[in-house]
Amino acid sequence: MRLPVPGPRDVLSALERGGDQLEALVGAVPRLLALLDQAEVMLERVAGTVDRIDAVVADAAAEVVRVGVVVDASALQVDRVATVVDASTLQVDRVATVVDDSGVQVARTAALLDMLEPPLTALQPTLQTLADTTHPDEVAALVTLVDHLPALTEQVERDVLPVLRTLGSVAPDLSELLTVSRELNEILGKVPGIGRLKRKVEQEEEEDAAGGGRV
C-alpha cells in the first residue's frame, strides 16, 4: 500500500497549481511527521523483537549445548551400564558353574553317605559304649600321649632302632656267653669246697631276700 506522503513531484505540482495545493501540502506535513514517529516506534519494536529473537536463539543454542552434554553423559552411562551388565553376566555364568559343581559334589557326598551308612550303623553301639565309658581324664591323657608322639618317635628312631638292628649280631655272642657260663658253673661245682661256698652264698641271698620282704 502506497503511503500518502507527498514527494518532490507533488511539491512542484502543488506550486504550479497555486495556493490551494500549497495549503494542502503544508497540511500534510504533520501527517508526515506522525508517520515518521510511527515508523520510529515500529523500528524500535522491530529492534526489540530482534533482540528478543537473538536472546531466544542464544538460549536455544545454550540448551542445544546442554542437551549435547546430557546426551554424551547418557551415552557414557549407557556404556557403564553395558559394562556392568557384561560383568553381571560373567558373574551369573560363574555362579551357574559353581552351582553345577556343587550339584556334582552333593551327588558324590550322597553316594559316600550311602556307602558309609551300613558300617556306621553297625558301629553305632560300639561308638555309643565308647562315648559312655570314656572318662574326660582318659581323653586328656590320650591327647597328652598324642602330643608326646613326635618326641617318642624321635627317641625310638635314635636309641631303640639302632639297638634292634644290632640284635642279630649280638644274639650269637650272648648264646655263646651263656654256654661258657654254664660250663664254668659246672667246673666250679666240681672243685672241693666250692659247692659249700656256693650253697652258703645262695642261703645268704635267700635270707636277705626274706629280710627285705619283712616290714
Protein backbone atom coordinates (compact mmCIF):
# COMPACT_ATOMS: atom_id res chain seq x y z
CA MET A 1 0.00 0.00 0.00
CA ARG A 2 1.38 3.41 -1.00
CA LEU A 3 1.70 5.82 1.92
CA PRO A 4 0.08 9.27 1.49
CA VAL A 5 3.40 11.07 1.77
CA PRO A 6 3.96 13.88 -0.80
CA GLY A 7 7.07 13.56 -2.88
CA PRO A 8 9.13 16.14 -4.76
CA ARG A 9 6.85 15.90 -7.74
CA ASP A 10 3.85 16.54 -5.57
CA VAL A 11 5.54 19.63 -4.15
CA LEU A 12 6.30 21.03 -7.67
CA SER A 13 2.79 20.20 -8.85
CA ALA A 14 1.32 21.93 -5.85
CA LEU A 15 3.42 25.07 -6.52
CA GLU A 16 2.22 25.12 -10.12
CA ARG A 17 -1.41 24.69 -9.12
CA GLY A 18 -1.48 27.51 -6.74
CA GLY A 19 -2.20 28.28 -3.17
CA ASP A 20 -4.84 25.64 -2.55
CA GLN A 21 -2.46 22.89 -3.33
CA LEU A 22 0.26 24.51 -1.26
CA GLU A 23 -2.02 24.70 1.73
CA ALA A 24 -2.90 21.03 1.28
CA LEU A 25 0.78 20.24 1.09
CA VAL A 26 1.50 22.16 4.27
CA GLY A 27 -1.40 20.40 5.94
CA ALA A 28 0.17 17.06 5.04
CA VAL A 29 3.39 17.86 6.92
CA PRO A 30 2.01 16.96 10.39
CA ARG A 31 0.75 13.72 8.98
CA LEU A 32 4.22 13.12 7.57
CA LEU A 33 5.80 13.80 10.96
CA ALA A 34 3.28 11.47 12.66
CA LEU A 35 4.08 8.78 10.15
CA LEU A 36 7.79 9.24 10.85
CA ASP A 37 7.14 8.93 14.59
CA GLN A 38 5.14 5.76 13.99
CA ALA A 39 7.93 4.44 11.78
CA GLU A 40 10.48 5.08 14.56
CA VAL A 41 8.23 3.30 17.07
CA MET A 42 7.87 0.41 14.66
CA LEU A 43 11.63 0.28 14.17
CA GLU A 44 12.18 0.27 17.96
CA ARG A 45 9.65 -2.55 18.30
CA VAL A 46 11.31 -4.46 15.50
CA ALA A 47 14.73 -3.88 17.12
CA GLY A 48 13.36 -5.14 20.47
CA THR A 49 11.82 -8.13 18.75
CA VAL A 50 15.12 -8.84 17.01
CA ASP A 51 16.94 -8.59 20.36
CA ARG A 52 14.47 -10.98 21.91
CA ILE A 53 14.87 -13.31 18.96
CA ASP A 54 18.67 -13.15 19.40
CA ALA A 55 18.25 -13.93 23.13
CA VAL A 56 15.93 -16.83 22.29
CA VAL A 57 18.40 -18.09 19.72
CA ALA A 58 21.25 -17.79 22.25
CA ASP A 59 19.17 -19.62 24.87
CA ALA A 60 18.29 -22.25 22.29
CA ALA A 61 21.98 -22.67 21.41
CA ALA A 62 22.84 -23.00 25.12
CA GLU A 63 20.09 -25.58 25.53
CA VAL A 64 21.39 -27.43 22.49
CA VAL A 65 24.85 -27.47 24.10
CA ARG A 66 23.35 -28.69 27.36
CA VAL A 67 21.38 -31.36 25.54
CA GLY A 68 24.61 -32.42 23.82
CA VAL A 69 26.35 -32.67 27.18
CA VAL A 70 23.41 -34.65 28.60
CA VAL A 71 23.45 -36.93 25.56
CA ASP A 72 27.19 -37.50 25.96
CA ALA A 73 26.75 -38.21 29.69
CA SER A 74 23.85 -40.53 28.88
CA ALA A 75 25.98 -42.35 26.32
CA LEU A 76 28.72 -42.72 28.95
CA GLN A 77 26.21 -44.07 31.47
CA VAL A 78 24.87 -46.46 28.84
CA ASP A 79 28.41 -47.71 28.26
CA ARG A 80 28.89 -48.14 32.01
CA VAL A 81 25.58 -49.96 32.30
CA ALA A 82 26.61 -52.21 29.42
CA THR A 83 29.90 -52.93 31.21
CA VAL A 84 28.03 -53.70 34.44
CA VAL A 85 25.62 -55.95 32.53
CA ASP A 86 28.54 -57.79 30.94
CA ALA A 87 30.21 -58.20 34.35
CA SER A 88 26.91 -59.37 35.85
CA THR A 89 26.51 -61.88 33.05
CA LEU A 90 30.01 -63.17 33.72
CA GLN A 91 29.24 -63.49 37.43
CA VAL A 92 25.99 -65.29 36.64
CA ASP A 93 27.92 -67.71 34.45
CA ARG A 94 30.41 -68.28 37.27
CA VAL A 95 27.60 -68.82 39.77
CA ALA A 96 25.99 -71.28 37.38
CA THR A 97 29.30 -73.14 37.13
CA VAL A 98 29.63 -73.18 40.93
CA VAL A 99 26.07 -74.44 41.24
CA ASP A 100 26.79 -77.21 38.75
CA ASP A 101 29.96 -78.16 40.65
CA SER A 102 28.01 -78.06 43.90
CA GLY A 103 25.46 -80.39 42.41
CA VAL A 104 28.23 -82.83 41.47
CA GLN A 105 29.73 -82.59 44.97
CA VAL A 106 26.32 -83.13 46.57
CA ALA A 107 25.82 -86.22 44.44
CA ARG A 108 29.26 -87.55 45.44
CA THR A 109 28.56 -86.80 49.11
CA ALA A 110 25.22 -88.56 48.91
CA ALA A 111 26.86 -91.61 47.34
CA LEU A 112 29.57 -91.60 50.04
CA LEU A 113 26.97 -91.35 52.79
CA ASP A 114 25.06 -94.23 51.24
CA MET A 115 28.25 -96.34 51.34
CA LEU A 116 29.11 -95.31 54.91
CA GLU A 117 25.66 -95.73 56.36
CA PRO A 118 25.82 -99.56 56.84
CA PRO A 119 29.23 -99.65 58.63
CA LEU A 120 28.34 -96.57 60.70
CA THR A 121 25.06 -98.19 61.68
CA ALA A 122 26.94 -101.35 62.70
CA LEU A 123 29.49 -99.32 64.69
CA GLN A 124 26.89 -97.15 66.41
CA PRO A 125 26.53 -99.38 69.53
CA THR A 126 30.33 -99.61 69.90
CA LEU A 127 30.72 -95.86 69.48
CA GLN A 128 27.93 -95.26 71.98
CA THR A 129 29.59 -97.60 74.50
CA LEU A 130 32.93 -95.88 73.93
CA ALA A 131 31.31 -92.49 74.48
CA ASP A 132 29.58 -93.68 77.66
CA THR A 133 32.64 -95.36 79.19
CA THR A 134 35.35 -92.88 78.24
CA HIS A 135 36.30 -90.53 81.07
CA PRO A 136 37.45 -86.97 80.33
CA ASP A 137 40.73 -87.75 82.11
CA GLU A 138 41.34 -90.60 79.68
CA VAL A 139 40.71 -88.28 76.77
CA ALA A 140 43.13 -85.73 78.26
CA ALA A 141 45.74 -88.49 78.74
CA LEU A 142 45.26 -89.60 75.14
CA VAL A 143 45.71 -86.01 73.96
CA THR A 144 48.88 -85.76 76.05
CA LEU A 145 50.16 -89.03 74.54
CA VAL A 146 49.48 -87.70 71.05
CA ASP A 147 51.36 -84.54 71.95
CA HIS A 148 54.36 -86.66 73.06
CA LEU A 149 54.32 -88.92 70.00
CA PRO A 150 56.78 -86.79 67.97
CA ALA A 151 59.36 -86.86 70.78
CA LEU A 152 58.79 -90.59 71.39
CA THR A 153 59.16 -91.31 67.68
CA GLU A 154 62.40 -89.38 67.53
CA GLN A 155 63.76 -91.17 70.62
CA VAL A 156 62.81 -94.61 69.26
CA GLU A 157 64.48 -93.85 65.95
CA ARG A 158 67.58 -92.52 67.70
CA ASP A 159 68.02 -95.04 70.56
CA VAL A 160 65.88 -98.16 70.10
CA LEU A 161 66.11 -98.89 66.40
CA PRO A 162 69.94 -98.95 66.35
CA VAL A 163 69.89 -101.48 69.21
CA LEU A 164 67.31 -103.62 67.40
CA ARG A 165 69.45 -103.58 64.27
CA THR A 166 72.46 -104.93 66.29
CA LEU A 167 70.49 -107.74 68.00
CA GLY A 168 71.05 -110.01 65.03
CA SER A 169 74.82 -109.87 65.54
CA VAL A 170 74.66 -109.81 69.37
CA ALA A 171 72.41 -112.88 69.77
CA PRO A 172 75.13 -115.45 68.82
CA ASP A 173 77.57 -113.81 71.23
CA LEU A 174 75.01 -113.93 74.07
CA SER A 175 74.25 -117.57 73.36
CA GLU A 176 77.95 -118.40 73.41
CA LEU A 177 78.40 -116.44 76.65
CA LEU A 178 75.57 -118.37 78.34
CA THR A 179 77.12 -121.67 77.21
CA VAL A 180 80.51 -120.66 78.65
CA SER A 181 78.83 -119.56 81.90
CA ARG A 182 77.10 -122.93 82.31
CA GLU A 183 80.32 -124.79 81.61
CA LEU A 184 82.20 -122.61 84.12
CA ASN A 185 79.48 -123.22 86.70
CA GLU A 186 79.83 -126.97 86.23
CA ILE A 187 83.61 -126.77 86.54
CA LEU A 188 83.36 -124.71 89.72
CA GLY A 189 80.87 -127.19 91.16
CA LYS A 190 83.48 -129.96 90.86
CA VAL A 191 86.14 -128.02 92.82
CA PRO A 192 86.29 -129.18 96.51
CA GLY A 193 84.75 -126.63 98.89
CA ILE A 194 83.21 -124.54 96.10
CA GLY A 195 79.87 -126.33 96.47
CA ARG A 196 79.60 -125.43 100.19
CA LEU A 197 80.62 -121.86 99.43
CA LYS A 198 78.02 -121.67 96.68
CA ARG A 199 75.28 -123.02 98.94
CA LYS A 200 76.26 -120.53 101.67
CA VAL A 201 76.08 -117.66 99.22
CA GLU A 202 72.69 -118.84 98.00
CA GLN A 203 71.44 -119.16 101.60
CA GLU A 204 72.56 -115.62 102.42
CA GLU A 205 70.84 -114.31 99.33
CA GLU A 206 67.63 -116.08 100.35
CA GLU A 207 67.84 -114.64 103.87
CA ASP A 208 68.49 -111.19 102.51
CA ALA A 209 65.51 -111.54 100.20
CA ALA A 210 63.34 -112.78 103.09
CA GLY A 211 64.53 -109.95 105.36
CA GLY A 212 63.88 -107.37 102.67
CA GLY A 213 60.32 -108.63 102.36
CA ARG A 214 59.56 -108.12 106.09
CA VAL A 215 58.04 -104.81 107.22
